[in-house]
Structures are given as structure tokens and as C-alpha cells.
Amino acid sequence: MKDYSRDPYEGYYRVGRIWFPVGKVRKDLSPKEMVIGLEINGRARAYPVSLLQKSPGILKDTLNGTTVLIEVQEDGEISKVTDGQGNPIHHVFSYWFAWQAFNADTSVYGK
């Protein structure tokens, strides 16, 4: 019987390597770099969380003609992702290796 009171991935979050085969991983970022992933009208972009956390405030970008605003709190928490009119933009938090696997043509903010 499995012990579900214990996280079987304890330690996985802290090490840089991937435990399972996932295919080819682009070298733009470390495989387990956390990113915010956005897709707007067929264009995808990854925003490295570590880069966002270096500059709390509001990051302004444009993706496929849409203004993207990412609000980062002083403590590094990402509080919201909106367009230029303040409407929420659907986004995901993901490891880089997973985001790029499903979004092969993604760009990377800051690269």
C-alpha cells in the first residue's frame, strides 16, 4: 500500500535534472526553470519566473499584437496577468521542459 501522506517527489523540485525521459528539451532555459506560459492567437511565449522576480512591479510586453501586463509583488509572487484593458489573460505555471514540449515554437521573454 502506498503512503500518500508523504510526497514521492520530495527533492525533485530542488534538483536540476529530470527524473523521467521527456524527449528533446530546448537549451533556452534550464529544464526545470519555472515559467509563466502564455498563448495568444497561436503565438506562445515563456516568461522565466526567476527573471520576473528580479524586478517587482508590472512587466509590460506585447505578444502577437496584444499588450501583456504581468504584476509581480515585492515578495516575488506573480499576482496577475492581464491585457492592456485589465482583462485576465489565461496563463500556466510550468517547468520549462513541459512548456516547450507542448509549445515547440515558443519564444522566451528576455532571450
N, C-alpha and C. Protein backbone atom coordinates (compact mmCIF):
# COMPACT_ATOMS: atom_id res chain seq x y z
N MET A 1 0.84 -1.18 0.00
CA MET A 1 0.00 0.00 0.00
C MET A 1 0.89 1.24 0.00
N LYS A 2 0.53 2.23 -0.81
CA LYS A 2 1.27 3.49 -0.91
C LYS A 2 1.00 4.37 0.29
N ASP A 3 2.05 5.08 0.72
CA ASP A 3 1.91 6.06 1.80
C ASP A 3 1.66 7.42 1.16
N TYR A 4 0.41 7.84 1.06
CA TYR A 4 0.05 9.10 0.42
C TYR A 4 0.22 10.31 1.32
N SER A 5 0.68 10.11 2.54
CA SER A 5 0.93 11.23 3.43
C SER A 5 2.30 11.85 3.16
N ARG A 6 3.09 11.18 2.33
CA ARG A 6 4.45 11.63 2.01
C ARG A 6 4.53 11.96 0.53
N ASP A 7 5.16 13.07 0.18
CA ASP A 7 5.33 13.49 -1.21
C ASP A 7 6.39 12.62 -1.87
N PRO A 8 6.03 11.81 -2.87
CA PRO A 8 7.02 10.94 -3.52
C PRO A 8 8.04 11.72 -4.35
N TYR A 9 7.76 12.99 -4.63
CA TYR A 9 8.68 13.82 -5.41
C TYR A 9 9.50 14.77 -4.55
N GLU A 10 9.49 14.55 -3.24
CA GLU A 10 10.27 15.39 -2.36
C GLU A 10 11.71 15.41 -2.86
N GLY A 11 12.26 16.58 -3.01
CA GLY A 11 13.62 16.71 -3.53
C GLY A 11 13.65 16.95 -5.03
N TYR A 12 12.64 16.46 -5.75
CA TYR A 12 12.60 16.62 -7.21
C TYR A 12 12.57 18.09 -7.61
N TYR A 13 11.88 18.90 -6.83
CA TYR A 13 11.71 20.30 -7.15
C TYR A 13 13.02 21.07 -7.02
N ARG A 14 13.95 20.57 -6.21
CA ARG A 14 15.20 21.29 -5.94
C ARG A 14 16.35 20.89 -6.85
N VAL A 15 16.30 19.72 -7.45
CA VAL A 15 17.41 19.28 -8.31
C VAL A 15 17.16 19.71 -9.75
N GLY A 16 18.22 19.96 -10.48
CA GLY A 16 18.10 20.46 -11.84
C GLY A 16 17.76 19.43 -12.90
N ARG A 17 18.01 18.18 -12.61
CA ARG A 17 17.78 17.17 -13.65
C ARG A 17 16.35 16.64 -13.61
N ILE A 18 15.97 16.06 -14.74
CA ILE A 18 14.62 15.49 -14.88
C ILE A 18 14.73 13.99 -14.61
N TRP A 19 13.82 13.44 -13.85
CA TRP A 19 13.88 12.03 -13.48
C TRP A 19 13.34 11.11 -14.56
N PHE A 20 12.52 11.63 -15.45
CA PHE A 20 11.85 10.79 -16.43
C PHE A 20 12.20 11.26 -17.83
N PRO A 21 12.26 10.35 -18.80
CA PRO A 21 12.55 10.79 -20.18
C PRO A 21 11.40 11.62 -20.74
N VAL A 22 11.76 12.76 -21.33
CA VAL A 22 10.72 13.65 -21.86
C VAL A 22 10.99 14.05 -23.30
N GLY A 23 11.98 13.46 -23.94
CA GLY A 23 12.32 13.85 -25.30
C GLY A 23 13.30 15.00 -25.30
N LYS A 24 13.44 15.62 -26.45
CA LYS A 24 14.39 16.71 -26.61
C LYS A 24 13.90 17.96 -25.87
N VAL A 25 14.81 18.56 -25.10
CA VAL A 25 14.49 19.78 -24.37
C VAL A 25 15.37 20.90 -24.92
N ARG A 26 14.73 21.96 -25.37
CA ARG A 26 15.48 23.12 -25.87
C ARG A 26 16.39 23.67 -24.78
N LYS A 27 17.49 24.27 -25.18
CA LYS A 27 18.51 24.76 -24.24
C LYS A 27 18.33 26.22 -23.85
N ASP A 28 17.22 26.86 -24.24
CA ASP A 28 17.00 28.27 -23.91
C ASP A 28 17.07 28.53 -22.41
N LEU A 29 16.54 27.60 -21.62
CA LEU A 29 16.50 27.70 -20.16
C LEU A 29 16.85 26.35 -19.58
N SER A 30 17.13 26.34 -18.29
CA SER A 30 17.33 25.08 -17.58
C SER A 30 16.02 24.29 -17.63
N PRO A 31 16.06 22.97 -17.81
CA PRO A 31 14.83 22.19 -17.96
C PRO A 31 13.78 22.44 -16.88
N LYS A 32 14.21 22.66 -15.65
CA LYS A 32 13.25 22.83 -14.56
C LYS A 32 13.09 24.27 -14.11
N GLU A 33 13.46 25.21 -14.99
CA GLU A 33 13.16 26.62 -14.74
C GLU A 33 11.65 26.77 -14.77
N MET A 34 11.09 27.42 -13.76
CA MET A 34 9.65 27.70 -13.75
C MET A 34 9.37 28.87 -14.68
N VAL A 35 8.32 28.72 -15.48
CA VAL A 35 7.92 29.79 -16.40
C VAL A 35 6.42 30.03 -16.28
N ILE A 36 6.04 31.24 -16.66
CA ILE A 36 4.64 31.53 -16.91
C ILE A 36 4.49 31.39 -18.41
N GLY A 37 3.59 30.54 -18.85
CA GLY A 37 3.39 30.32 -20.27
C GLY A 37 2.09 30.96 -20.74
N LEU A 38 2.19 31.70 -21.86
CA LEU A 38 1.02 32.33 -22.46
C LEU A 38 0.93 31.91 -23.91
N GLU A 39 -0.30 31.78 -24.39
CA GLU A 39 -0.54 31.55 -25.81
C GLU A 39 -1.64 32.52 -26.22
N ILE A 40 -1.33 33.37 -27.20
CA ILE A 40 -2.30 34.34 -27.68
C ILE A 40 -2.40 34.22 -29.20
N ASN A 41 -3.57 33.80 -29.66
CA ASN A 41 -3.83 33.67 -31.09
C ASN A 41 -2.72 32.93 -31.84
N GLY A 42 -2.32 31.79 -31.28
CA GLY A 42 -1.36 30.93 -31.96
C GLY A 42 0.11 31.22 -31.69
N ARG A 43 0.41 32.25 -30.92
CA ARG A 43 1.80 32.57 -30.57
C ARG A 43 1.99 32.29 -29.08
N ALA A 44 3.09 31.61 -28.76
CA ALA A 44 3.37 31.25 -27.37
C ALA A 44 4.64 31.94 -26.89
N ARG A 45 4.65 32.28 -25.61
CA ARG A 45 5.85 32.86 -25.01
C ARG A 45 5.95 32.36 -23.57
N ALA A 46 7.20 32.08 -23.17
CA ALA A 46 7.51 31.68 -21.80
C ALA A 46 8.19 32.85 -21.09
N TYR A 47 7.74 33.14 -19.89
CA TYR A 47 8.32 34.19 -19.06
C TYR A 47 8.99 33.52 -17.86
N PRO A 48 10.34 33.50 -17.81
CA PRO A 48 11.01 32.85 -16.67
C PRO A 48 10.65 33.55 -15.35
N VAL A 49 10.14 32.79 -14.42
CA VAL A 49 9.71 33.34 -13.13
C VAL A 49 10.89 33.99 -12.41
N SER A 50 12.07 33.38 -12.48
CA SER A 50 13.23 33.95 -11.79
C SER A 50 13.58 35.33 -12.35
N LEU A 51 13.41 35.53 -13.63
CA LEU A 51 13.67 36.84 -14.25
C LEU A 51 12.63 37.86 -13.80
N LEU A 52 11.37 37.45 -13.77
CA LEU A 52 10.29 38.34 -13.33
C LEU A 52 10.50 38.79 -11.88
N GLN A 53 10.95 37.87 -11.04
CA GLN A 53 11.10 38.16 -9.62
C GLN A 53 12.25 39.12 -9.33
N LYS A 54 13.15 39.31 -10.29
CA LYS A 54 14.26 40.26 -10.10
C LYS A 54 13.79 41.71 -10.17
N SER A 55 12.62 41.94 -10.78
CA SER A 55 12.12 43.31 -10.96
C SER A 55 10.65 43.39 -10.58
N PRO A 56 10.35 43.41 -9.26
CA PRO A 56 8.95 43.54 -8.86
C PRO A 56 8.30 44.76 -9.49
N GLY A 57 7.01 44.68 -9.69
CA GLY A 57 6.26 45.75 -10.32
C GLY A 57 5.45 45.17 -11.47
N ILE A 58 5.28 45.95 -12.52
CA ILE A 58 4.50 45.49 -13.66
C ILE A 58 5.39 45.41 -14.89
N LEU A 59 5.51 44.20 -15.42
CA LEU A 59 6.23 43.99 -16.67
C LEU A 59 5.24 44.20 -17.81
N LYS A 60 5.63 44.99 -18.78
CA LYS A 60 4.78 45.23 -19.95
C LYS A 60 5.46 44.62 -21.17
N ASP A 61 4.72 43.84 -21.92
CA ASP A 61 5.23 43.18 -23.11
C ASP A 61 4.10 43.16 -24.14
N THR A 62 4.43 42.77 -25.36
CA THR A 62 3.43 42.59 -26.41
C THR A 62 3.63 41.22 -27.01
N LEU A 63 2.55 40.47 -27.12
CA LEU A 63 2.59 39.15 -27.73
C LEU A 63 1.50 39.08 -28.79
N ASN A 64 1.92 38.92 -30.02
CA ASN A 64 1.01 38.80 -31.16
C ASN A 64 -0.01 39.94 -31.21
N GLY A 65 0.48 41.16 -30.95
CA GLY A 65 -0.37 42.34 -31.02
C GLY A 65 -1.16 42.65 -29.77
N THR A 66 -1.05 41.82 -28.75
CA THR A 66 -1.79 42.02 -27.50
C THR A 66 -0.83 42.50 -26.41
N THR A 67 -1.21 43.56 -25.72
CA THR A 67 -0.43 44.03 -24.58
C THR A 67 -0.56 43.02 -23.45
N VAL A 68 0.57 42.66 -22.86
CA VAL A 68 0.61 41.73 -21.73
C VAL A 68 1.20 42.47 -20.54
N LEU A 69 0.49 42.45 -19.43
CA LEU A 69 0.96 43.05 -18.18
C LEU A 69 1.05 41.95 -17.13
N ILE A 70 2.24 41.76 -16.58
CA ILE A 70 2.45 40.76 -15.53
C ILE A 70 2.84 41.50 -14.26
N GLU A 71 2.01 41.37 -13.24
CA GLU A 71 2.26 42.06 -11.97
C GLU A 71 2.99 41.14 -11.00
N VAL A 72 4.14 41.63 -10.53
CA VAL A 72 4.99 40.87 -9.61
C VAL A 72 5.08 41.64 -8.29
N GLN A 73 4.68 41.00 -7.21
CA GLN A 73 4.72 41.62 -5.88
C GLN A 73 6.16 41.69 -5.37
N GLU A 74 6.39 42.50 -4.35
CA GLU A 74 7.72 42.65 -3.76
C GLU A 74 8.29 41.32 -3.26
N ASP A 75 7.41 40.43 -2.81
CA ASP A 75 7.87 39.13 -2.31
C ASP A 75 8.10 38.12 -3.44
N GLY A 76 7.93 38.56 -4.71
CA GLY A 76 8.16 37.69 -5.86
C GLY A 76 6.95 36.96 -6.36
N GLU A 77 5.83 37.07 -5.66
CA GLU A 77 4.62 36.39 -6.10
C GLU A 77 4.06 37.07 -7.35
N ILE A 78 3.65 36.25 -8.31
CA ILE A 78 3.01 36.76 -9.52
C ILE A 78 1.53 36.90 -9.17
N SER A 79 1.03 38.14 -9.15
CA SER A 79 -0.33 38.34 -8.68
C SER A 79 -1.37 38.36 -9.79
N LYS A 80 -1.00 38.83 -10.98
CA LYS A 80 -1.97 38.76 -12.07
C LYS A 80 -1.30 38.97 -13.41
N VAL A 81 -1.98 38.46 -14.43
CA VAL A 81 -1.56 38.59 -15.82
C VAL A 81 -2.78 39.10 -16.57
N THR A 82 -2.65 40.30 -17.16
CA THR A 82 -3.78 40.93 -17.83
C THR A 82 -3.36 41.52 -19.17
N ASP A 83 -4.38 41.90 -19.96
CA ASP A 83 -4.11 42.62 -21.20
C ASP A 83 -4.14 44.13 -20.90
N GLY A 84 -3.99 44.95 -21.92
CA GLY A 84 -3.94 46.40 -21.74
C GLY A 84 -5.21 47.01 -21.18
N GLN A 85 -6.34 46.28 -21.26
CA GLN A 85 -7.60 46.78 -20.71
C GLN A 85 -7.90 46.22 -19.32
N GLY A 86 -6.95 45.46 -18.79
CA GLY A 86 -7.14 44.89 -17.46
C GLY A 86 -7.87 43.56 -17.44
N ASN A 87 -8.14 42.99 -18.61
CA ASN A 87 -8.80 41.68 -18.68
C ASN A 87 -7.79 40.57 -18.40
N PRO A 88 -8.17 39.57 -17.61
CA PRO A 88 -7.25 38.47 -17.32
C PRO A 88 -6.83 37.75 -18.59
N ILE A 89 -5.57 37.35 -18.64
CA ILE A 89 -5.06 36.51 -19.73
C ILE A 89 -4.79 35.13 -19.14
N HIS A 90 -5.34 34.12 -19.81
CA HIS A 90 -5.10 32.74 -19.36
C HIS A 90 -3.60 32.46 -19.43
N HIS A 91 -3.07 31.86 -18.38
CA HIS A 91 -1.65 31.53 -18.32
C HIS A 91 -1.47 30.28 -17.47
N VAL A 92 -0.30 29.67 -17.60
CA VAL A 92 0.02 28.50 -16.79
C VAL A 92 1.39 28.68 -16.16
N PHE A 93 1.57 28.10 -14.99
CA PHE A 93 2.88 27.98 -14.38
C PHE A 93 3.36 26.58 -14.72
N SER A 94 4.57 26.48 -15.25
CA SER A 94 5.05 25.19 -15.72
C SER A 94 6.57 25.14 -15.65
N TYR A 95 7.11 23.93 -15.60
CA TYR A 95 8.54 23.78 -15.83
C TYR A 95 8.79 24.06 -17.31
N TRP A 96 9.96 24.60 -17.62
CA TRP A 96 10.34 24.89 -18.99
C TRP A 96 10.24 23.64 -19.87
N PHE A 97 10.73 22.49 -19.39
CA PHE A 97 10.73 21.31 -20.24
C PHE A 97 9.32 20.92 -20.66
N ALA A 98 8.35 21.13 -19.80
CA ALA A 98 6.97 20.78 -20.14
C ALA A 98 6.36 21.83 -21.08
N TRP A 99 6.57 23.11 -20.80
CA TRP A 99 6.02 24.16 -21.64
C TRP A 99 6.52 24.02 -23.08
N GLN A 100 7.83 23.86 -23.26
CA GLN A 100 8.37 23.80 -24.61
C GLN A 100 8.00 22.50 -25.33
N ALA A 101 7.68 21.46 -24.58
CA ALA A 101 7.25 20.20 -25.21
C ALA A 101 5.90 20.38 -25.90
N PHE A 102 5.03 21.18 -25.32
CA PHE A 102 3.69 21.40 -25.89
C PHE A 102 3.62 22.66 -26.76
N ASN A 103 4.67 23.48 -26.71
CA ASN A 103 4.71 24.73 -27.46
C ASN A 103 6.08 24.85 -28.13
N ALA A 104 6.31 24.02 -29.12
CA ALA A 104 7.64 23.90 -29.75
C ALA A 104 8.16 25.21 -30.31
N ASP A 105 7.30 26.08 -30.79
CA ASP A 105 7.72 27.35 -31.38
C ASP A 105 7.68 28.51 -30.41
N THR A 106 7.62 28.24 -29.14
CA THR A 106 7.52 29.31 -28.14
C THR A 106 8.75 30.22 -28.17
N SER A 107 8.51 31.48 -27.92
CA SER A 107 9.62 32.40 -27.68
C SER A 107 9.83 32.47 -26.17
N VAL A 108 10.96 33.02 -25.78
CA VAL A 108 11.28 33.17 -24.36
C VAL A 108 11.53 34.64 -24.09
N TYR A 109 10.78 35.21 -23.17
CA TYR A 109 10.96 36.62 -22.81
C TYR A 109 12.38 36.82 -22.28
N GLY A 110 13.03 37.86 -22.77
CA GLY A 110 14.37 38.18 -22.30
C GLY A 110 15.48 37.49 -23.07
N LYS A 111 15.13 36.69 -24.06
CA LYS A 111 16.14 35.98 -24.87
C LYS A 111 16.11 36.47 -26.30
